[in-house]
């Protein structure tokens, strides 16, 4: 593994949201576990089939692992069990109920890095597969912090392929007016790291919040940290 990124050598940083900015990956995992309880959904299933993917792609991927074939349906399907979209919409319903129960606070180490990037004048964006990204940012008091947010709603409207395709990251870089080679991608999901690598970004930094470091490295992360605070000391030229 190479050293951490030297932050002032890059023009922009693209952050995944859940598990990177806020601890909402834990809420997503709880919602998926509730949804797929009849199938014996495990933390390993979350990391392998769901983490970092769009909601419907996560449903499809997990069901395929269990040999279950459902019609895709339509995103307007009411929450239920009969289609991939209905299941995805039910998962979203569960997620929002859990989210509404308590406050969401950004990781202190991440906030410290964001403050450093502000001082350096580095452009920043959120790139998330979740359609709840803006609601989560608002819950964390960060609704106005990022000028560019490319999320699941953006992807659906613009027909951007889900991670591990690089489309959403490339779109965010384009909106910021920066080249991928001059940009850092920060991700906690294997699919997201793969997207950063596929997009030819200058540095792909993995964040391991719980035993996923080896998989992030295998997916091509240039470095992996447990918390973004680790990248602060001596990380400017």
Foldseek 3Di string as FASTA:
>chain_A
DDDDALVLQFQAEEEAPDPAFWVLVVLLQVLVCVLCVVVVDDPVLCQPQPPQWALLSSLVRSCVVVVHDAAQDDCVDDQDDRHSNNSSNSSVVSSVVVPVPDAIATDPLSVVVLVVCVVSNHAYEYQGAYPCRLVNCVSHVNNPVHPYYHYNVNCVVVVFHGFVAQRRVVVRCVVVVHQQLRYEYEEAGLRSLSNSVNRNHNAYEHAHCDPCQVSSVVSPHPYYYPGNNVCPPPSHD
